[in-house]
N, C-alpha and C. Protein backbone atom coordinates (compact mmCIF):
# COMPACT_ATOMS: atom_id res chain seq x y z
N MET A 1 2.16 17.69 -9.15
CA MET A 1 2.61 16.32 -9.22
C MET A 1 1.66 15.44 -8.42
N GLY A 2 1.25 14.34 -9.00
CA GLY A 2 0.34 13.42 -8.36
C GLY A 2 1.04 12.45 -7.44
N GLY A 3 0.26 11.59 -6.82
CA GLY A 3 0.82 10.60 -5.92
C GLY A 3 -0.14 9.47 -5.65
N TYR A 4 0.34 8.49 -4.94
CA TYR A 4 -0.44 7.32 -4.59
C TYR A 4 -0.32 7.04 -3.10
N THR A 5 -1.41 6.62 -2.52
CA THR A 5 -1.41 6.04 -1.18
C THR A 5 -1.63 4.56 -1.40
N TYR A 6 -0.87 3.72 -0.69
CA TYR A 6 -0.96 2.29 -0.95
C TYR A 6 -0.85 1.48 0.34
N ILE A 7 -1.34 0.24 0.27
CA ILE A 7 -1.19 -0.71 1.37
C ILE A 7 -0.57 -1.98 0.80
N ILE A 8 0.49 -2.44 1.46
CA ILE A 8 1.09 -3.72 1.11
C ILE A 8 1.03 -4.62 2.34
N THR A 9 1.12 -5.92 2.10
CA THR A 9 1.04 -6.90 3.18
C THR A 9 1.97 -8.07 2.89
N ASN A 10 2.13 -8.93 3.87
CA ASN A 10 2.93 -10.14 3.68
C ASN A 10 2.05 -11.36 3.39
N GLN A 11 0.77 -11.27 3.75
CA GLN A 11 -0.18 -12.35 3.49
C GLN A 11 -1.60 -11.83 3.75
N LYS A 12 -2.59 -12.60 3.34
CA LYS A 12 -3.97 -12.20 3.58
C LYS A 12 -4.20 -11.98 5.07
N ARG A 13 -4.71 -10.80 5.39
CA ARG A 13 -4.98 -10.38 6.77
C ARG A 13 -3.73 -10.39 7.65
N GLY A 14 -2.58 -10.24 7.01
CA GLY A 14 -1.32 -10.22 7.74
C GLY A 14 -0.91 -8.81 8.15
N THR A 15 0.38 -8.60 8.24
CA THR A 15 0.92 -7.30 8.60
C THR A 15 0.62 -6.30 7.49
N LEU A 16 0.16 -5.11 7.86
CA LEU A 16 -0.17 -4.08 6.88
C LEU A 16 0.83 -2.94 6.97
N TYR A 17 1.25 -2.47 5.80
CA TYR A 17 2.12 -1.29 5.72
C TYR A 17 1.44 -0.28 4.82
N ILE A 18 1.32 0.94 5.27
CA ILE A 18 0.71 2.01 4.49
C ILE A 18 1.80 2.98 4.08
N GLY A 19 1.84 3.30 2.80
CA GLY A 19 2.86 4.21 2.30
C GLY A 19 2.30 5.17 1.28
N VAL A 20 3.18 6.08 0.85
CA VAL A 20 2.84 7.07 -0.17
C VAL A 20 4.02 7.21 -1.12
N THR A 21 3.73 7.45 -2.39
CA THR A 21 4.78 7.58 -3.39
C THR A 21 4.26 8.35 -4.60
N SER A 22 5.18 8.88 -5.36
CA SER A 22 4.81 9.53 -6.62
C SER A 22 4.93 8.55 -7.79
N ASP A 23 5.58 7.40 -7.58
CA ASP A 23 5.78 6.40 -8.63
C ASP A 23 5.47 5.01 -8.04
N LEU A 24 4.23 4.59 -8.19
CA LEU A 24 3.77 3.36 -7.55
C LEU A 24 4.50 2.12 -8.07
N GLU A 25 4.65 1.99 -9.37
CA GLU A 25 5.32 0.81 -9.93
C GLU A 25 6.74 0.68 -9.39
N ARG A 26 7.49 1.77 -9.38
CA ARG A 26 8.87 1.74 -8.88
C ARG A 26 8.90 1.39 -7.40
N ARG A 27 8.04 2.00 -6.63
CA ARG A 27 8.05 1.80 -5.18
C ARG A 27 7.70 0.36 -4.80
N ILE A 28 6.70 -0.21 -5.44
CA ILE A 28 6.33 -1.59 -5.13
C ILE A 28 7.43 -2.54 -5.58
N TYR A 29 8.05 -2.27 -6.71
CA TYR A 29 9.19 -3.06 -7.16
C TYR A 29 10.30 -3.04 -6.09
N GLU A 30 10.56 -1.87 -5.54
CA GLU A 30 11.57 -1.76 -4.49
C GLU A 30 11.21 -2.61 -3.27
N HIS A 31 9.95 -2.60 -2.90
CA HIS A 31 9.50 -3.44 -1.78
C HIS A 31 9.70 -4.92 -2.11
N GLN A 32 9.29 -5.32 -3.30
CA GLN A 32 9.36 -6.73 -3.68
C GLN A 32 10.79 -7.24 -3.79
N GLU A 33 11.69 -6.38 -4.18
CA GLU A 33 13.09 -6.79 -4.35
C GLU A 33 13.92 -6.59 -3.09
N GLY A 34 13.29 -6.11 -2.02
CA GLY A 34 14.01 -5.92 -0.77
C GLY A 34 14.98 -4.76 -0.80
N LEU A 35 14.71 -3.78 -1.64
CA LEU A 35 15.60 -2.62 -1.79
C LEU A 35 15.33 -1.54 -0.76
N THR A 36 14.31 -1.74 0.06
CA THR A 36 13.99 -0.78 1.11
C THR A 36 14.24 -1.43 2.46
N SER A 37 14.70 -0.66 3.39
CA SER A 37 14.84 -1.18 4.75
C SER A 37 13.73 -0.57 5.60
N GLY A 38 13.54 -1.13 6.75
CA GLY A 38 12.51 -0.60 7.63
C GLY A 38 11.40 -1.59 7.88
N PHE A 39 10.25 -1.06 8.28
CA PHE A 39 9.12 -1.88 8.72
C PHE A 39 8.68 -2.87 7.65
N ALA A 40 8.42 -2.41 6.44
CA ALA A 40 7.91 -3.29 5.38
C ALA A 40 8.89 -4.41 5.08
N TRP A 41 10.15 -4.10 5.02
CA TRP A 41 11.18 -5.11 4.76
C TRP A 41 11.26 -6.10 5.91
N LYS A 42 11.24 -5.59 7.14
CA LYS A 42 11.35 -6.43 8.34
C LYS A 42 10.25 -7.48 8.39
N TYR A 43 9.04 -7.10 8.00
CA TYR A 43 7.89 -8.00 8.09
C TYR A 43 7.53 -8.66 6.75
N GLY A 44 8.34 -8.49 5.74
CA GLY A 44 8.12 -9.15 4.46
C GLY A 44 6.91 -8.68 3.69
N CYS A 45 6.56 -7.40 3.85
CA CYS A 45 5.40 -6.85 3.15
C CYS A 45 5.79 -6.52 1.71
N THR A 46 5.29 -7.31 0.78
CA THR A 46 5.62 -7.10 -0.63
C THR A 46 4.40 -7.13 -1.54
N ARG A 47 3.25 -7.55 -1.04
CA ARG A 47 2.05 -7.71 -1.86
C ARG A 47 1.19 -6.44 -1.83
N LEU A 48 1.05 -5.80 -2.98
CA LEU A 48 0.20 -4.61 -3.10
C LEU A 48 -1.26 -5.04 -3.11
N VAL A 49 -2.01 -4.66 -2.08
CA VAL A 49 -3.41 -5.11 -2.00
C VAL A 49 -4.42 -3.97 -2.12
N TRP A 50 -3.95 -2.73 -2.06
CA TRP A 50 -4.86 -1.58 -2.19
C TRP A 50 -4.03 -0.35 -2.53
N TYR A 51 -4.61 0.52 -3.36
CA TYR A 51 -3.98 1.81 -3.63
C TYR A 51 -5.02 2.81 -4.12
N GLU A 52 -4.67 4.08 -3.95
CA GLU A 52 -5.49 5.19 -4.44
C GLU A 52 -4.60 6.14 -5.19
N ASP A 53 -5.10 6.65 -6.29
CA ASP A 53 -4.42 7.64 -7.10
C ASP A 53 -4.90 9.03 -6.68
N HIS A 54 -3.98 9.95 -6.48
CA HIS A 54 -4.31 11.32 -6.11
C HIS A 54 -3.68 12.28 -7.11
N SER A 55 -4.40 13.33 -7.46
CA SER A 55 -3.88 14.30 -8.42
C SER A 55 -2.79 15.18 -7.81
N ASP A 56 -2.72 15.19 -6.50
CA ASP A 56 -1.74 16.04 -5.79
C ASP A 56 -1.05 15.20 -4.73
N ILE A 57 0.27 15.26 -4.66
CA ILE A 57 1.03 14.46 -3.69
C ILE A 57 0.66 14.81 -2.26
N SER A 58 0.32 16.06 -2.00
CA SER A 58 -0.04 16.44 -0.64
C SER A 58 -1.34 15.76 -0.21
N ALA A 59 -2.26 15.53 -1.14
CA ALA A 59 -3.49 14.81 -0.83
C ALA A 59 -3.17 13.35 -0.51
N ALA A 60 -2.21 12.77 -1.24
CA ALA A 60 -1.80 11.39 -0.97
C ALA A 60 -1.17 11.27 0.41
N ILE A 61 -0.35 12.23 0.77
CA ILE A 61 0.29 12.23 2.09
C ILE A 61 -0.75 12.37 3.20
N GLN A 62 -1.71 13.25 3.00
CA GLN A 62 -2.76 13.43 4.00
C GLN A 62 -3.59 12.16 4.16
N ARG A 63 -3.88 11.49 3.06
CA ARG A 63 -4.64 10.24 3.11
C ARG A 63 -3.84 9.17 3.86
N GLU A 64 -2.54 9.10 3.61
CA GLU A 64 -1.69 8.14 4.31
C GLU A 64 -1.76 8.39 5.82
N LYS A 65 -1.61 9.63 6.23
CA LYS A 65 -1.66 9.96 7.65
C LYS A 65 -3.01 9.60 8.26
N SER A 66 -4.07 9.84 7.52
CA SER A 66 -5.41 9.51 7.99
C SER A 66 -5.57 8.00 8.17
N LEU A 67 -5.17 7.23 7.16
CA LEU A 67 -5.30 5.77 7.22
C LEU A 67 -4.50 5.17 8.36
N LYS A 68 -3.36 5.74 8.65
CA LYS A 68 -2.52 5.20 9.74
C LYS A 68 -3.20 5.36 11.10
N ARG A 69 -4.16 6.26 11.20
CA ARG A 69 -4.89 6.44 12.46
C ARG A 69 -6.13 5.52 12.55
N TRP A 70 -6.48 4.87 11.47
CA TRP A 70 -7.64 4.00 11.45
C TRP A 70 -7.40 2.74 12.30
N TYR A 71 -8.50 2.16 12.78
CA TYR A 71 -8.43 0.84 13.41
C TYR A 71 -8.05 -0.19 12.34
N ARG A 72 -7.39 -1.24 12.77
CA ARG A 72 -6.97 -2.30 11.85
C ARG A 72 -8.15 -2.85 11.06
N GLN A 73 -9.28 -3.10 11.72
CA GLN A 73 -10.42 -3.69 11.02
C GLN A 73 -10.93 -2.78 9.91
N TRP A 74 -10.88 -1.48 10.11
CA TRP A 74 -11.31 -0.55 9.07
C TRP A 74 -10.40 -0.68 7.84
N LYS A 75 -9.11 -0.87 8.07
CA LYS A 75 -8.16 -1.03 6.97
C LYS A 75 -8.45 -2.33 6.22
N ILE A 76 -8.71 -3.39 6.97
CA ILE A 76 -9.04 -4.67 6.35
C ILE A 76 -10.32 -4.54 5.53
N ASP A 77 -11.32 -3.87 6.06
CA ASP A 77 -12.57 -3.65 5.32
C ASP A 77 -12.32 -2.85 4.04
N LEU A 78 -11.47 -1.84 4.11
CA LEU A 78 -11.13 -1.03 2.93
C LEU A 78 -10.52 -1.91 1.85
N ILE A 79 -9.60 -2.77 2.24
CA ILE A 79 -8.95 -3.68 1.28
C ILE A 79 -9.97 -4.65 0.71
N GLU A 80 -10.73 -5.29 1.58
CA GLU A 80 -11.64 -6.34 1.13
C GLU A 80 -12.81 -5.83 0.30
N ASN A 81 -13.19 -4.57 0.48
CA ASN A 81 -14.24 -3.99 -0.37
C ASN A 81 -13.76 -3.86 -1.82
N ALA A 82 -12.49 -3.57 -2.01
CA ALA A 82 -11.95 -3.39 -3.35
C ALA A 82 -11.25 -4.65 -3.88
N ASN A 83 -10.72 -5.46 -2.98
CA ASN A 83 -9.89 -6.60 -3.36
C ASN A 83 -10.16 -7.77 -2.40
N PRO A 84 -11.32 -8.40 -2.50
CA PRO A 84 -11.71 -9.43 -1.52
C PRO A 84 -10.78 -10.64 -1.46
N ASP A 85 -10.07 -10.92 -2.53
CA ASP A 85 -9.17 -12.07 -2.56
C ASP A 85 -7.74 -11.72 -2.15
N TRP A 86 -7.50 -10.46 -1.85
CA TRP A 86 -6.17 -9.98 -1.45
C TRP A 86 -5.12 -10.33 -2.51
N ARG A 87 -5.50 -10.26 -3.78
CA ARG A 87 -4.54 -10.56 -4.84
C ARG A 87 -3.52 -9.43 -4.95
N ASP A 88 -2.37 -9.74 -5.50
CA ASP A 88 -1.31 -8.75 -5.66
C ASP A 88 -1.62 -7.86 -6.86
N LEU A 89 -1.98 -6.62 -6.60
CA LEU A 89 -2.39 -5.70 -7.66
C LEU A 89 -1.21 -5.16 -8.47
N TYR A 90 -0.01 -5.40 -8.02
CA TYR A 90 1.17 -4.92 -8.74
C TYR A 90 1.16 -5.39 -10.19
N TYR A 91 0.76 -6.63 -10.39
CA TYR A 91 0.79 -7.21 -11.73
C TYR A 91 -0.38 -6.74 -12.59
N GLU A 92 -1.28 -5.97 -12.02
CA GLU A 92 -2.41 -5.41 -12.77
C GLU A 92 -2.24 -3.93 -13.07
N LEU A 93 -1.09 -3.36 -12.70
CA LEU A 93 -0.87 -1.93 -12.92
C LEU A 93 -0.66 -1.57 -14.38
N TRP A 94 -0.23 -2.53 -15.19
CA TRP A 94 0.06 -2.21 -16.59
C TRP A 94 -1.15 -2.37 -17.42
């Protein structure tokens, strides 16, 4: 079973939340609709700004753990290299 590692935010260069899921569309929808409680909900993180597809869920989990140890600026650089305008990629998944 595959998986995704993703980063959502509340605004450009705002609060960053890193997560992992096997169903990216469903998970981001849950964030956007406020169906999840916790850090992302508390800080209004609903905009999908970066994600990676992994063929194995364990690889996605390992990547999530790795990214959470990164410096904030490295995470911002990762996002801006792929998505310089910080647009919401959720609407581009289809």
